[in-house]
Amino acid sequence: MTTATAAIPSGNTVYTPPVAKVMISMPDNLLDRLDAQARANRETRSGFLRRLAERELEIDEVRRRKEFEDLLGPPMNLGGDAAKLIREDRESH
């Protein structure tokens, strides 16, 4: 294994790079609810929080994309394969 893909053990959890450990603050009652939901989902606390964060970020990206489309209209289909066109242009010189 290369260093970039080597697992990093920490207690009974194994991390594969790149993974950052973070410390956050939240009210005890919220943490209790979060842990209960993670257990109900058969997830770890970290896995549950990661899934929630990914979902929230995806929702935000979709919202921003919709705002752009509302302002500019839907993306235009210009057809063709951009990579192929660039390659053909480079080879023609």
C-alpha atoms as a PDB file:
ATOM      1  CA  MET A   1       0.000   0.000   0.000  1.00  0.00           C
ATOM      2  CA  THR A   2       1.133   3.534  -0.692  1.00  0.00           C
ATOM      3  CA  THR A   3       1.107   6.174   1.993  1.00  0.00           C
ATOM      4  CA  ALA A   4      -1.830   7.914   0.298  1.00  0.00           C
ATOM      5  CA  THR A   5      -4.047   4.837   0.694  1.00  0.00           C
ATOM      6  CA  ALA A   6      -2.694   3.326   3.922  1.00  0.00           C
ATOM      7  CA  ALA A   7      -5.243   2.845   6.681  1.00  0.00           C
ATOM      8  CA  ILE A   8      -4.786   4.777   9.910  1.00  0.00           C
ATOM      9  CA  PRO A   9      -6.032   2.940  13.005  1.00  0.00           C
ATOM     10  CA  SER A  10      -7.498   5.015  15.814  1.00  0.00           C
ATOM     11  CA  GLY A  11      -8.965   2.979  18.636  1.00  0.00           C
ATOM     12  CA  ASN A  12     -11.382   0.546  17.032  1.00  0.00           C
ATOM     13  CA  THR A  13     -11.898   2.741  13.949  1.00  0.00           C
ATOM     14  CA  VAL A  14      -9.772   2.675  10.809  1.00  0.00           C
ATOM     15  CA  TYR A  15      -9.457   5.804   8.679  1.00  0.00           C
ATOM     16  CA  THR A  16      -8.196   5.986   5.136  1.00  0.00           C
ATOM     17  CA  PRO A  17      -6.621   9.280   4.061  1.00  0.00           C
ATOM     18  CA  PRO A  18      -7.733  11.936   3.540  1.00  0.00           C
ATOM     19  CA  VAL A  19      -9.855  12.005   6.679  1.00  0.00           C
ATOM     20  CA  ALA A  20      -9.895  14.813   9.219  1.00  0.00           C
ATOM     21  CA  LYS A  21     -11.082  14.479  12.784  1.00  0.00           C
ATOM     22  CA  VAL A  22     -13.028  17.504  13.974  1.00  0.00           C
ATOM     23  CA  MET A  23     -14.342  18.682  17.299  1.00  0.00           C
ATOM     24  CA  ILE A  24     -17.761  20.329  17.330  1.00  0.00           C
ATOM     25  CA  SER A  25     -19.970  21.693  20.082  1.00  0.00           C
ATOM     26  CA  MET A  26     -23.686  21.040  20.421  1.00  0.00           C
ATOM     27  CA  PRO A  27     -26.238  20.888  23.219  1.00  0.00           C
ATOM     28  CA  ASP A  28     -26.343  17.577  25.112  1.00  0.00           C
ATOM     29  CA  ASN A  29     -29.988  16.971  24.225  1.00  0.00           C
ATOM     30  CA  LEU A  30     -29.225  17.347  20.511  1.00  0.00           C
ATOM     31  CA  LEU A  31     -26.287  14.952  20.801  1.00  0.00           C
ATOM     32  CA  ASP A  32     -28.542  12.446  22.595  1.00  0.00           C
ATOM     33  CA  ARG A  33     -31.097  12.667  19.773  1.00  0.00           C
ATOM     34  CA  LEU A  34     -28.371  12.381  17.152  1.00  0.00           C
ATOM     35  CA  ASP A  35     -26.879   9.284  18.800  1.00  0.00           C
ATOM     36  CA  ALA A  36     -30.310   7.673  19.155  1.00  0.00           C
ATOM     37  CA  GLN A  37     -31.054   8.223  15.467  1.00  0.00           C
ATOM     38  CA  ALA A  38     -27.626   6.934  14.417  1.00  0.00           C
ATOM     39  CA  ARG A  39     -28.206   3.776  16.503  1.00  0.00           C
ATOM     40  CA  ALA A  40     -31.683   3.354  15.004  1.00  0.00           C
ATOM     41  CA  ASN A  41     -30.105   3.612  11.531  1.00  0.00           C
ATOM     42  CA  ARG A  42     -27.349   1.191  12.564  1.00  0.00           C
ATOM     43  CA  GLU A  43     -24.774   3.883  11.764  1.00  0.00           C
ATOM     44  CA  THR A  44     -21.901   5.395  13.644  1.00  0.00           C
ATOM     45  CA  ARG A  45     -22.210   8.948  14.873  1.00  0.00           C
ATOM     46  CA  SER A  46     -19.566   9.992  12.330  1.00  0.00           C
ATOM     47  CA  GLY A  47     -21.291   8.151   9.497  1.00  0.00           C
ATOM     48  CA  PHE A  48     -24.642   9.700  10.377  1.00  0.00           C
ATOM     49  CA  LEU A  49     -23.198  13.230  10.560  1.00  0.00           C
ATOM     50  CA  ARG A  50     -21.256  12.709   7.312  1.00  0.00           C
ATOM     51  CA  ARG A  51     -24.417  11.533   5.529  1.00  0.00           C
ATOM     52  CA  LEU A  52     -26.403  14.515   6.835  1.00  0.00           C
ATOM     53  CA  ALA A  53     -23.672  16.951   5.783  1.00  0.00           C
ATOM     54  CA  GLU A  54     -23.426  15.424   2.293  1.00  0.00           C
ATOM     55  CA  ARG A  55     -27.199  15.563   1.883  1.00  0.00           C
ATOM     56  CA  GLU A  56     -27.377  19.184   3.040  1.00  0.00           C
ATOM     57  CA  LEU A  57     -24.561  20.225   0.701  1.00  0.00           C
ATOM     58  CA  GLU A  58     -26.224  18.424  -2.222  1.00  0.00           C
ATOM     59  CA  ILE A  59     -29.537  20.174  -1.466  1.00  0.00           C
ATOM     60  CA  ASP A  60     -27.696  23.512  -1.489  1.00  0.00           C
ATOM     61  CA  GLU A  61     -25.988  22.714  -4.815  1.00  0.00           C
ATOM     62  CA  VAL A  62     -29.329  21.780  -6.386  1.00  0.00           C
ATOM     63  CA  ARG A  63     -30.880  25.016  -5.070  1.00  0.00           C
ATOM     64  CA  ARG A  64     -28.044  27.125  -6.505  1.00  0.00           C
ATOM     65  CA  ARG A  65     -28.235  25.311  -9.857  1.00  0.00           C
ATOM     66  CA  LYS A  66     -31.979  26.030  -9.988  1.00  0.00           C
ATOM     67  CA  GLU A  67     -31.376  29.705  -9.180  1.00  0.00           C
ATOM     68  CA  PHE A  68     -28.883  29.940 -12.071  1.00  0.00           C
ATOM     69  CA  GLU A  69     -31.306  28.207 -14.427  1.00  0.00           C
ATOM     70  CA  ASP A  70     -34.117  30.527 -13.320  1.00  0.00           C
ATOM     71  CA  LEU A  71     -31.878  33.498 -14.164  1.00  0.00           C
ATOM     72  CA  LEU A  72     -30.188  32.194 -17.309  1.00  0.00           C
ATOM     73  CA  GLY A  73     -32.476  29.450 -18.555  1.00  0.00           C
ATOM     74  CA  PRO A  74     -31.596  25.777 -18.811  1.00  0.00           C
ATOM     75  CA  PRO A  75     -28.136  24.784 -20.038  1.00  0.00           C
ATOM     76  CA  MET A  76     -27.855  24.771 -23.812  1.00  0.00           C
ATOM     77  CA  ASN A  77     -27.062  21.479 -25.450  1.00  0.00           C
ATOM     78  CA  LEU A  78     -24.272  22.399 -27.821  1.00  0.00           C
ATOM     79  CA  GLY A  79     -23.910  18.801 -28.905  1.00  0.00           C
ATOM     80  CA  GLY A  80     -20.728  17.001 -29.667  1.00  0.00           C
ATOM     81  CA  ASP A  81     -17.947  15.736 -27.501  1.00  0.00           C
ATOM     82  CA  ALA A  82     -15.875  18.654 -26.183  1.00  0.00           C
ATOM     83  CA  ALA A  83     -12.858  16.446 -25.402  1.00  0.00           C
ATOM     84  CA  LYS A  84     -12.939  15.005 -28.922  1.00  0.00           C
ATOM     85  CA  LEU A  85     -13.215  18.471 -30.481  1.00  0.00           C
ATOM     86  CA  ILE A  86     -10.279  19.781 -28.427  1.00  0.00           C
ATOM     87  CA  ARG A  87      -8.183  16.731 -29.312  1.00  0.00           C
ATOM     88  CA  GLU A  88      -8.982  17.151 -33.028  1.00  0.00           C
ATOM     89  CA  ASP A  89      -8.108  20.851 -32.849  1.00  0.00           C
ATOM     90  CA  ARG A  90      -4.752  20.131 -31.154  1.00  0.00           C
ATOM     91  CA  GLU A  91      -3.888  17.431 -33.672  1.00  0.00           C
ATOM     92  CA  SER A  92      -4.699  19.697 -36.615  1.00  0.00           C
ATOM     93  CA  HIS A  93      -1.902  22.156 -35.768  1.00  0.00           C
END
